[in-house]
PDB file of N, CA and C in Angstrom:
ATOM      1  N   MET A   1      27.015 113.515 170.730  1.00  0.00           N
ATOM      2  CA  MET A   1      27.790 112.997 169.786  1.00  0.00           C
ATOM      3  C   MET A   1      29.118 112.557 170.379  1.00  0.00           C
ATOM      4  N   LYS A   2      29.728 113.467 171.315  1.00  0.00           N
ATOM      5  CA  LYS A   2      30.929 113.101 171.875  1.00  0.00           C
ATOM      6  C   LYS A   2      30.837 111.745 172.581  1.00  0.00           C
ATOM      7  N   TRP A   3      29.673 111.540 173.320  1.00  0.00           N
ATOM      8  CA  TRP A   3      29.357 110.242 174.049  1.00  0.00           C
ATOM      9  C   TRP A   3      29.535 109.044 173.037  1.00  0.00           C
ATOM     10  N   LEU A   4      28.930 109.158 171.928  1.00  0.00           N
ATOM     11  CA  LEU A   4      28.827 107.903 170.992  1.00  0.00           C
ATOM     12  C   LEU A   4      30.349 107.782 170.420  1.00  0.00           C
ATOM     13  N   LEU A   5      31.197 108.759 170.300  1.00  0.00           N
ATOM     14  CA  LEU A   5      32.509 108.494 169.974  1.00  0.00           C
ATOM     15  C   LEU A   5      33.303 107.838 171.058  1.00  0.00           C
ATOM     16  N   LEU A   6      33.135 108.303 172.338  1.00  0.00           N
ATOM     17  CA  LEU A   6      33.710 107.883 173.456  1.00  0.00           C
ATOM     18  C   LEU A   6      33.338 106.248 173.585  1.00  0.00           C
ATOM     19  N   LEU A   7      32.094 105.997 173.491  1.00  0.00           N
ATOM     20  CA  LEU A   7      31.725 104.635 173.577  1.00  0.00           C
ATOM     21  C   LEU A   7      32.223 103.694 172.295  1.00  0.00           C
ATOM     22  N   ALA A   8      32.385 104.259 171.191  1.00  0.00           N
ATOM     23  CA  ALA A   8      32.970 103.548 170.171  1.00  0.00           C
ATOM     24  C   ALA A   8      34.399 103.152 170.272  1.00  0.00           C
ATOM     25  N   LEU A   9      35.081 103.950 171.308  1.00  0.00           N
ATOM     26  CA  LEU A   9      36.467 103.798 171.476  1.00  0.00           C
ATOM     27  C   LEU A   9      36.718 102.878 172.755  1.00  0.00           C
ATOM     28  N   ILE A  10      35.873 102.865 173.712  1.00  0.00           N
ATOM     29  CA  ILE A  10      35.875 102.117 174.908  1.00  0.00           C
ATOM     30  C   ILE A  10      35.497 100.572 174.716  1.00  0.00           C
ATOM     31  N   ILE A  11      34.235 100.572 173.993  1.00  0.00           N
ATOM     32  CA  ILE A  11      33.662  99.121 173.817  1.00  0.00           C
ATOM     33  C   ILE A  11      34.526  98.110 173.318  1.00  0.00           C
ATOM     34  N   PRO A  12      35.277  98.450 172.183  1.00  0.00           N
ATOM     35  CA  PRO A  12      36.177  97.352 171.736  1.00  0.00           C
ATOM     36  C   PRO A  12      37.259  97.040 172.703  1.00  0.00           C
ATOM     37  N   SER A  13      37.710  97.982 173.377  1.00  0.00           N
ATOM     38  CA  SER A  13      38.857  97.598 174.435  1.00  0.00           C
ATOM     39  C   SER A  13      38.479  96.874 175.375  1.00  0.00           C
ATOM     40  N   VAL A  14      37.114  97.100 175.970  1.00  0.00           N
ATOM     41  CA  VAL A  14      36.617  96.257 177.090  1.00  0.00           C
ATOM     42  C   VAL A  14      36.188  94.902 176.584  1.00  0.00           C
ATOM     43  N   ALA A  15      35.791  94.755 175.422  1.00  0.00           N
ATOM     44  CA  ALA A  15      35.422  93.471 174.896  1.00  0.00           C
ATOM     45  C   ALA A  15      36.607  92.643 174.729  1.00  0.00           C
ATOM     46  N   GLN A  16      37.849  93.177 174.348  1.00  0.00           N
ATOM     47  CA  GLN A  16      39.103  92.419 174.284  1.00  0.00           C
ATOM     48  C   GLN A  16      39.717  91.976 175.590  1.00  0.00           C
ATOM     49  N   ALA A  17      39.359  92.854 176.531  1.00  0.00           N
ATOM     50  CA  ALA A  17      40.134  92.640 177.774  1.00  0.00           C
ATOM     51  C   ALA A  17      39.611  91.503 178.609  1.00  0.00           C
ATOM     52  N   HIS A  18      38.231  91.123 178.436  1.00  0.00           N
ATOM     53  CA  HIS A  18      37.613  90.087 178.991  1.00  0.00           C
ATOM     54  C   HIS A  18      36.808  89.219 178.210  1.00  0.00           C
ATOM     55  N   PRO A  19      37.195  87.947 177.883  1.00  0.00           N
ATOM     56  CA  PRO A  19      36.322  87.047 177.079  1.00  0.00           C
ATOM     57  C   PRO A  19      35.028  86.962 177.745  1.00  0.00           C
ATOM     58  N   VAL A  20      33.849  86.755 176.937  1.00  0.00           N
ATOM     59  CA  VAL A  20      32.650  86.353 177.340  1.00  0.00           C
ATOM     60  C   VAL A  20      32.388  84.985 177.424  1.00  0.00           C
ATOM     61  N   ILE A  21      31.907  84.432 178.544  1.00  0.00           N
ATOM     62  CA  ILE A  21      31.727  83.222 178.818  1.00  0.00           C
ATOM     63  C   ILE A  21      30.193  82.752 178.640  1.00  0.00           C
ATOM     64  N   CYS A  22      30.046  81.787 177.637  1.00  0.00           N
ATOM     65  CA  CYS A  22      28.555  81.536 177.409  1.00  0.00           C
ATOM     66  C   CYS A  22      28.220  79.953 177.592  1.00  0.00           C
ATOM     67  N   GLY A  23      27.009  79.680 177.710  1.00  0.00           N
ATOM     68  CA  GLY A  23      26.704  78.371 177.638  1.00  0.00           C
ATOM     69  C   GLY A  23      25.163  78.180 178.027  1.00  0.00           C
ATOM     70  N   LYS A  24      24.753  76.869 178.028  1.00  0.00           N
ATOM     71  CA  LYS A  24      23.279  76.737 178.098  1.00  0.00           C
ATOM     72  C   LYS A  24      22.827  77.233 179.547  1.00  0.00           C
ATOM     73  N   TYR A  25      21.677  77.901 179.534  1.00  0.00           N
ATOM     74  CA  TYR A  25      21.223  78.529 180.761  1.00  0.00           C
ATOM     75  C   TYR A  25      21.268  77.576 181.981  1.00  0.00           C
ATOM     76  N   VAL A  26      20.677  76.403 181.761  1.00  0.00           N
ATOM     77  CA  VAL A  26      20.546  75.604 182.763  1.00  0.00           C
ATOM     78  C   VAL A  26      22.089  75.008 183.598  1.00  0.00           C
ATOM     79  N   LYS A  27      23.120  75.043 182.690  1.00  0.00           N
ATOM     80  CA  LYS A  27      24.333  74.752 183.257  1.00  0.00           C
ATOM     81  C   LYS A  27      24.961  76.057 183.939  1.00  0.00           C
ATOM     82  N   VAL A  28      24.795  77.275 183.278  1.00  0.00           N
ATOM     83  CA  VAL A  28      25.222  78.527 183.881  1.00  0.00           C
ATOM     84  C   VAL A  28      24.570  78.746 185.212  1.00  0.00           C
ATOM     85  N   ALA A  29      23.284  78.573 185.347  1.00  0.00           N
ATOM     86  CA  ALA A  29      22.491  78.750 186.600  1.00  0.00           C
ATOM     87  C   ALA A  29      23.039  77.832 187.612  1.00  0.00           C
ATOM     88  N   ALA A  30      23.087  76.587 187.273  1.00  0.00           N
ATOM     89  CA  ALA A  30      23.650  75.579 188.280  1.00  0.00           C
ATOM     90  C   ALA A  30      25.009  75.871 188.661  1.00  0.00           C
ATOM     91  N   SER A  31      25.928  76.326 187.906  1.00  0.00           N
ATOM     92  CA  SER A  31      27.220  76.794 188.301  1.00  0.00           C
ATOM     93  C   SER A  31      27.278  77.971 189.252  1.00  0.00           C
ATOM     94  N   LEU A  32      26.390  78.940 188.880  1.00  0.00           N
ATOM     95  CA  LEU A  32      26.422  80.115 189.837  1.00  0.00           C
ATOM     96  C   LEU A  32      25.887  79.785 191.222  1.00  0.00           C
ATOM     97  N   LYS A  33      24.959  78.855 191.242  1.00  0.00           N
ATOM     98  CA  LYS A  33      24.331  78.390 192.514  1.00  0.00           C
ATOM     99  C   LYS A  33      25.363  77.574 193.279  1.00  0.00           C
ATOM    100  N   ALA A  34      26.042  76.608 192.672  1.00  0.00           N
ATOM    101  CA  ALA A  34      26.950  75.624 193.273  1.00  0.00           C
ATOM    102  C   ALA A  34      28.198  76.159 193.551  1.00  0.00           C
ATOM    103  N   GLN A  35      28.851  76.865 192.633  1.00  0.00           N
ATOM    104  CA  GLN A  35      30.238  77.284 192.833  1.00  0.00           C
ATOM    105  C   GLN A  35      30.380  78.583 193.476  1.00  0.00           C
ATOM    106  N   HIS A  36      29.383  79.360 193.189  1.00  0.00           N
ATOM    107  CA  HIS A  36      29.649  80.936 193.690  1.00  0.00           C
ATOM    108  C   HIS A  36      28.519  81.297 194.833  1.00  0.00           C
ATOM    109  N   HIS A  37      27.552  80.269 195.063  1.00  0.00           N
ATOM    110  CA  HIS A  37      26.492  80.568 196.038  1.00  0.00           C
ATOM    111  C   HIS A  37      25.684  81.699 195.855  1.00  0.00           C
ATOM    112  N   GLU A  38      25.417  81.947 194.402  1.00  0.00           N
ATOM    113  CA  GLU A  38      24.607  83.028 194.165  1.00  0.00           C
ATOM    114  C   GLU A  38      23.148  82.616 193.804  1.00  0.00           C
ATOM    115  N   ARG A  39      22.362  83.471 193.985  1.00  0.00           N
ATOM    116  CA  ARG A  39      21.003  83.260 193.478  1.00  0.00           C
ATOM    117  C   ARG A  39      20.318  84.537 192.757  1.00  0.00           C
ATOM    118  N   LYS A  40      19.504  84.213 191.847  1.00  0.00           N
ATOM    119  CA  LYS A  40      18.670  85.229 191.056  1.00  0.00           C
ATOM    120  C   LYS A  40      17.998  86.325 191.985  1.00  0.00           C
ATOM    121  N   THR A  41      18.449  87.464 191.822  1.00  0.00           N
ATOM    122  CA  THR A  41      17.653  88.486 192.588  1.00  0.00           C
ATOM    123  C   THR A  41      16.893  89.364 191.806  1.00  0.00           C
ATOM    124  N   HIS A  42      17.208  89.722 190.599  1.00  0.00           N
ATOM    125  CA  HIS A  42      16.648  90.647 189.619  1.00  0.00           C
ATOM    126  C   HIS A  42      16.688  90.028 188.252  1.00  0.00           C
ATOM    127  N   GLN A  43      15.483  90.522 187.465  1.00  0.00           N
ATOM    128  CA  GLN A  43      15.375  90.011 186.074  1.00  0.00           C
ATOM    129  C   GLN A  43      14.581  91.138 185.273  1.00  0.00           C
ATOM    130  N   GLY A  44      15.057  91.349 184.015  1.00  0.00           N
ATOM    131  CA  GLY A  44      14.401  92.348 183.269  1.00  0.00           C
ATOM    132  C   GLY A  44      14.700  91.941 181.740  1.00  0.00           C
ATOM    133  N   LEU A  45      14.017  92.813 180.963  1.00  0.00           N
ATOM    134  CA  LEU A  45      14.064  92.740 179.521  1.00  0.00           C
ATOM    135  C   LEU A  45      15.114  93.785 178.969  1.00  0.00           C
ATOM    136  N   ALA A  46      15.796  93.650 177.854  1.00  0.00           N
ATOM    137  CA  ALA A  46      16.678  94.676 177.327  1.00  0.00           C
ATOM    138  C   ALA A  46      16.690  94.449 175.786  1.00  0.00           C
ATOM    139  N   ASN A  47      16.781  95.542 175.034  1.00  0.00           N
ATOM    140  CA  ASN A  47      16.826  95.562 173.573  1.00  0.00           C
ATOM    141  C   ASN A  47      18.423  95.254 173.326  1.00  0.00           C
ATOM    142  N   ASN A  48      18.746  94.385 172.361  1.00  0.00           N
ATOM    143  CA  ASN A  48      20.015  94.133 171.928  1.00  0.00           C
ATOM    144  C   ASN A  48      20.064  95.150 170.751  1.00  0.00           C
ATOM    145  N   PHE A  49      21.556  95.363 170.291  1.00  0.00           N
ATOM    146  CA  PHE A  49      21.804  96.184 169.253  1.00  0.00           C
ATOM    147  C   PHE A  49      21.121  95.804 167.922  1.00  0.00           C
ATOM    148  N   ASP A  50      20.917  94.583 167.746  1.00  0.00           N
ATOM    149  CA  ASP A  50      20.240  94.002 166.531  1.00  0.00           C
ATOM    150  C   ASP A  50      18.823  94.126 166.671  1.00  0.00           C
ATOM    151  N   LYS A  51      18.196  94.709 167.683  1.00  0.00           N
ATOM    152  CA  LYS A  51      16.662  94.735 167.931  1.00  0.00           C
ATOM    153  C   LYS A  51      16.074  93.460 168.479  1.00  0.00           C
ATOM    154  N   THR A  52      16.887  92.488 168.804  1.00  0.00           N
ATOM    155  CA  THR A  52      16.334  91.334 169.630  1.00  0.00           C
ATOM    156  C   THR A  52      16.110  91.600 171.064  1.00  0.00           C
ATOM    157  N   ILE A  53      15.333  90.947 171.734  1.00  0.00           N
ATOM    158  CA  ILE A  53      14.920  91.024 173.080  1.00  0.00           C
ATOM    159  C   ILE A  53      15.709  90.128 173.875  1.00  0.00           C
ATOM    160  N   LEU A  54      16.415  90.662 174.930  1.00  0.00           N
ATOM    161  CA  LEU A  54      17.328  89.923 175.783  1.00  0.00           C
ATOM    162  C   LEU A  54      16.702  89.756 177.172  1.00  0.00           C
ATOM    163  N   ILE A  55      17.034  88.731 178.006  1.00  0.00           N
ATOM    164  CA  ILE A  55      16.591  88.789 179.264  1.00  0.00           C
ATOM    165  C   ILE A  55      17.942  88.919 180.144  1.00  0.00           C
ATOM    166  N   VAL A  56      17.876  90.001 180.973  1.00  0.00           N
ATOM    167  CA  VAL A  56      19.054  90.104 181.726  1.00  0.00           C
ATOM    168  C   VAL A  56      18.751  89.884 183.309  1.00  0.00           C
ATOM    169  N   GLU A  57      19.694  88.963 183.788  1.00  0.00           N
ATOM    170  CA  GLU A  57      19.410  88.781 185.276  1.00  0.00           C
ATOM    171  C   GLU A  57      20.612  89.013 186.092  1.00  0.00           C
ATOM    172  N   ILE A  58      20.368  89.449 187.330  1.00  0.00           N
ATOM    173  CA  ILE A  58      21.369  89.655 188.294  1.00  0.00           C
ATOM    174  C   ILE A  58      21.380  88.554 189.258  1.00  0.00           C
ATOM    175  N   TRP A  59      22.477  88.108 189.595  1.00  0.00           N
ATOM    176  CA  TRP A  59      22.558  86.876 190.614  1.00  0.00           C
ATOM    177  C   TRP A  59      23.508  87.475 191.655  1.00  0.00           C
ATOM    178  N   GLN A  60      23.310  87.136 192.981  1.00  0.00           N
ATOM    179  CA  GLN A  60      24.168  87.689 194.015  1.00  0.00           C
ATOM    180  C   GLN A  60      24.204  86.667 195.108  1.00  0.00           C
ATOM    181  N   SER A  61      25.457  86.717 195.835  1.00  0.00           N
ATOM    182  CA  SER A  61      25.377  86.070 197.038  1.00  0.00           C
ATOM    183  C   SER A  61      25.371  86.956 198.309  1.00  0.00           C
ATOM    184  N   LYS A  62      25.119  86.125 199.363  1.00  0.00           N
ATOM    185  CA  LYS A  62      25.246  87.019 200.579  1.00  0.00           C
ATOM    186  C   LYS A  62      25.537  86.235 201.598  1.00  0.00           C
ATOM    187  N   GLY A  63      26.945  86.053 201.778  1.00  0.00           N
ATOM    188  CA  GLY A  63      27.545  85.201 202.711  1.00  0.00           C
ATOM    189  C   GLY A  63      27.969  86.055 203.938  1.00  0.00           C
ATOM    190  N   ASN A  64      28.789  85.413 204.819  1.00  0.00           N
ATOM    191  CA  ASN A  64      29.410  85.999 205.996  1.00  0.00           C
ATOM    192  C   ASN A  64      30.449  87.055 205.517  1.00  0.00           C
ATOM    193  N   GLY A  65      31.134  86.747 204.259  1.00  0.00           N
ATOM    194  CA  GLY A  65      32.166  87.557 203.975  1.00  0.00           C
ATOM    195  C   GLY A  65      31.686  88.635 202.976  1.00  0.00           C
ATOM    196  N   GLU A  66      32.403  88.932 201.991  1.00  0.00           N
ATOM    197  CA  GLU A  66      32.152  89.932 200.918  1.00  0.00           C
ATOM    198  C   GLU A  66      31.097  89.177 199.896  1.00  0.00           C
ATOM    199  N   SER A  67      30.100  90.070 199.494  1.00  0.00           N
ATOM    200  CA  SER A  67      29.064  89.436 198.653  1.00  0.00           C
ATOM    201  C   SER A  67      29.722  89.551 197.222  1.00  0.00           C
ATOM    202  N   THR A  68      29.190  88.787 196.392  1.00  0.00           N
ATOM    203  CA  THR A  68      29.536  88.805 194.961  1.00  0.00           C
ATOM    204  C   THR A  68      28.207  88.944 194.186  1.00  0.00           C
ATOM    205  N   PHE A  69      28.284  89.197 192.891  1.00  0.00           N
ATOM    206  CA  PHE A  69      27.223  89.290 192.039  1.00  0.00           C
ATOM    207  C   PHE A  69      27.706  88.941 190.523  1.00  0.00           C
ATOM    208  N   THR A  70      26.769  88.513 189.618  1.00  0.00           N
ATOM    209  CA  THR A  70      27.038  88.318 188.230  1.00  0.00           C
ATOM    210  C   THR A  70      25.750  88.818 187.535  1.00  0.00           C
ATOM    211  N   VAL A  71      25.980  89.328 186.333  1.00  0.00           N
ATOM    212  CA  VAL A  71      25.159  89.786 185.422  1.00  0.00           C
ATOM    213  C   VAL A  71      25.068  88.734 184.263  1.00  0.00           C
ATOM    214  N   VAL A  72      23.934  88.130 184.037  1.00  0.00           N
ATOM    215  CA  VAL A  72      23.643  87.157 182.990  1.00  0.00           C
ATOM    216  C   VAL A  72      22.910  87.775 181.952  1.00  0.00           C
ATOM    217  N   THR A  73      23.225  87.423 180.711  1.00  0.00           N
ATOM    218  CA  THR A  73      22.339  87.950 179.555  1.00  0.00           C
ATOM    219  C   THR A  73      21.935  86.785 178.819  1.00  0.00           C
ATOM    220  N   ILE A  74      20.589  86.606 178.617  1.00  0.00           N
ATOM    221  CA  ILE A  74      20.142  85.320 177.992  1.00  0.00           C
ATOM    222  C   ILE A  74      19.523  85.794 176.669  1.00  0.00           C
ATOM    223  N   HIS A  75      19.886  85.036 175.550  1.00  0.00           N
ATOM    224  CA  HIS A  75      19.677  85.455 174.232  1.00  0.00           C
ATOM    225  C   HIS A  75      18.586  84.577 173.811  1.00  0.00           C
ATOM    226  N   PRO A  76      17.828  84.960 172.585  1.00  0.00           N
ATOM    227  CA  PRO A  76      16.544  84.178 172.348  1.00  0.00           C
ATOM    228  C   PRO A  76      16.915  82.725 172.064  1.00  0.00           C
ATOM    229  N   ASN A  77      18.070  82.454 171.598  1.00  0.00           N
ATOM    230  CA  ASN A  77      18.317  81.053 171.256  1.00  0.00           C
ATOM    231  C   ASN A  77      18.599  80.177 172.622  1.00  0.00           C
ATOM    232  N   GLY A  78      18.539  80.897 173.755  1.00  0.00           N
ATOM    233  CA  GLY A  78      18.600  79.974 175.049  1.00  0.00           C
ATOM    234  C   GLY A  78      20.050  80.135 175.488  1.00  0.00           C
ATOM    235  N   LEU A  79      21.003  80.813 174.764  1.00  0.00           N
ATOM    236  CA  LEU A  79      22.307  80.925 175.154  1.00  0.00           C
ATOM    237  C   LEU A  79      22.375  81.976 176.239  1.00  0.00           C
ATOM    238  N   ALA A  80      23.068  81.631 177.398  1.00  0.00           N
ATOM    239  CA  ALA A  80      23.326  82.490 178.469  1.00  0.00           C
ATOM    240  C   ALA A  80      24.709  83.036 178.602  1.00  0.00           C
ATOM    241  N   CYS A  81      25.001  84.181 178.666  1.00  0.00           N
ATOM    242  CA  CYS A  81      26.358  84.676 178.789  1.00  0.00           C
ATOM    243  C   CYS A  81      26.753  85.490 179.869  1.00  0.00           C
ATOM    244  N   LEU A  82      27.781  85.304 180.666  1.00  0.00           N
ATOM    245  CA  LEU A  82      28.258  86.180 181.846  1.00  0.00           C
ATOM    246  C   LEU A  82      28.591  87.430 181.308  1.00  0.00           C
ATOM    247  N   SER A  83      27.887  88.491 181.577  1.00  0.00           N
ATOM    248  CA  SER A  83      28.264  89.767 180.941  1.00  0.00           C
ATOM    249  C   SER A  83      29.149  90.678 181.856  1.00  0.00           C
ATOM    250  N   ALA A  84      28.950  90.388 183.236  1.00  0.00           N
ATOM    251  CA  ALA A  84      29.671  91.082 184.121  1.00  0.00           C
ATOM    252  C   ALA A  84      29.688  90.413 185.471  1.00  0.00           C
ATOM    253  N   SER A  85      30.720  90.734 186.272  1.00  0.00           N
ATOM    254  CA  SER A  85      30.735  89.992 187.602  1.00  0.00           C
ATOM    255  C   SER A  85      31.534  90.805 188.562  1.00  0.00           C
ATOM    256  N   GLY A  86      31.168  90.948 190.014  1.00  0.00           N
ATOM    257  CA  GLY A  86      32.075  91.771 190.748  1.00  0.00           C
ATOM    258  C   GLY A  86      31.757  91.502 192.313  1.00  0.00           C
ATOM    259  N   ARG A  87      32.061  92.303 192.995  1.00  0.00           N
ATOM    260  CA  ARG A  87      31.713  92.213 194.601  1.00  0.00           C
ATOM    261  C   ARG A  87      31.286  93.386 195.198  1.00  0.00           C
ATOM    262  N   SER A  88      30.740  93.368 196.339  1.00  0.00           N
ATOM    263  CA  SER A  88      30.328  94.445 197.156  1.00  0.00           C
ATOM    264  C   SER A  88      29.151  95.216 196.431  1.00  0.00           C
ATOM    265  N   LEU A  89      28.163  94.571 195.928  1.00  0.00           N
ATOM    266  CA  LEU A  89      26.993  95.220 195.432  1.00  0.00           C
ATOM    267  C   LEU A  89      26.088  95.762 196.396  1.00  0.00           C
ATOM    268  N   GLU A  90      25.773  96.839 196.239  1.00  0.00           N
ATOM    269  CA  GLU A  90      24.954  97.680 197.257  1.00  0.00           C
ATOM    270  C   GLU A  90      23.438  98.124 196.825  1.00  0.00           C
ATOM    271  N   TYR A  91      22.650  97.903 197.687  1.00  0.00           N
ATOM    272  CA  TYR A  91      21.230  98.320 197.442  1.00  0.00           C
ATOM    273  C   TYR A  91      21.227  99.683 197.900  1.00  0.00           C
ATOM    274  N   LEU A  92      20.894 100.622 196.960  1.00  0.00           N
ATOM    275  CA  LEU A  92      20.826 102.060 197.205  1.00  0.00           C
ATOM    276  C   LEU A  92      19.450 102.497 197.612  1.00  0.00           C
ATOM    277  N   GLY A  93      18.306 101.677 197.583  1.00  0.00           N
ATOM    278  CA  GLY A  93      17.133 102.019 198.057  1.00  0.00           C
ATOM    279  C   GLY A  93      16.537 103.067 197.082  1.00  0.00           C
ATOM    280  N   ARG A  94      15.258 103.371 197.483  1.00  0.00           N
ATOM    281  CA  ARG A  94      14.416 104.206 196.657  1.00  0.00           C
ATOM    282  C   ARG A  94      14.110 105.584 197.657  1.00  0.00           C
ATOM    283  N   ASP A  95      14.742 106.688 197.319  1.00  0.00           N
ATOM    284  CA  ASP A  95      14.442 107.900 197.884  1.00  0.00           C
ATOM    285  C   ASP A  95      14.074 108.836 196.825  1.00  0.00           C
ATOM    286  N   LYS A  96      13.895 110.180 197.270  1.00  0.00           N
ATOM    287  CA  LYS A  96      13.697 111.102 196.182  1.00  0.00           C
ATOM    288  C   LYS A  96      14.751 111.541 195.298  1.00  0.00           C
ATOM    289  N   ASP A  97      16.138 111.181 195.785  1.00  0.00           N
ATOM    290  CA  ASP A  97      17.085 111.558 194.813  1.00  0.00           C
ATOM    291  C   ASP A  97      17.396 110.539 193.901  1.00  0.00           C
ATOM    292  N   ASN A  98      17.023 109.263 194.167  1.00  0.00           N
ATOM    293  CA  ASN A  98      17.558 108.253 192.978  1.00  0.00           C
ATOM    294  C   ASN A  98      16.064 107.316 192.740  1.00  0.00           C
ATOM    295  N   ALA A  99      15.033 107.863 192.945  1.00  0.00           N
ATOM    296  CA  ALA A  99      13.795 107.217 192.583  1.00  0.00           C
ATOM    297  C   ALA A  99      13.715 106.878 191.042  1.00  0.00           C
ATOM    298  N   ILE A 100      13.188 105.661 190.747  1.00  0.00           N
ATOM    299  CA  ILE A 100      12.930 105.319 189.521  1.00  0.00           C
ATOM    300  C   ILE A 100      11.687 105.741 188.976  1.00  0.00           C
TER     301      ILE A 100
END
């Protein structure tokens, strides 16, 4: 129960701090490729709070410098939103301690 209360307090402040950028998937994908040199490396399905199914993708770059990544959420109506972005994404591998 404490976790739910904590999430209820954190989520609104996070949402206000960073505006969500959305657009047509084709344009979002083209921008990630051309401007950020990222490519789609992971894709999966997630349930939204209103019980709709979303596609979640992770895009990442691998250049000579620091790598970047972007999390894209695709809604049933085709709207693609940038949910998160960052740098220095690391693959943790699969071993007995963090096996899925």
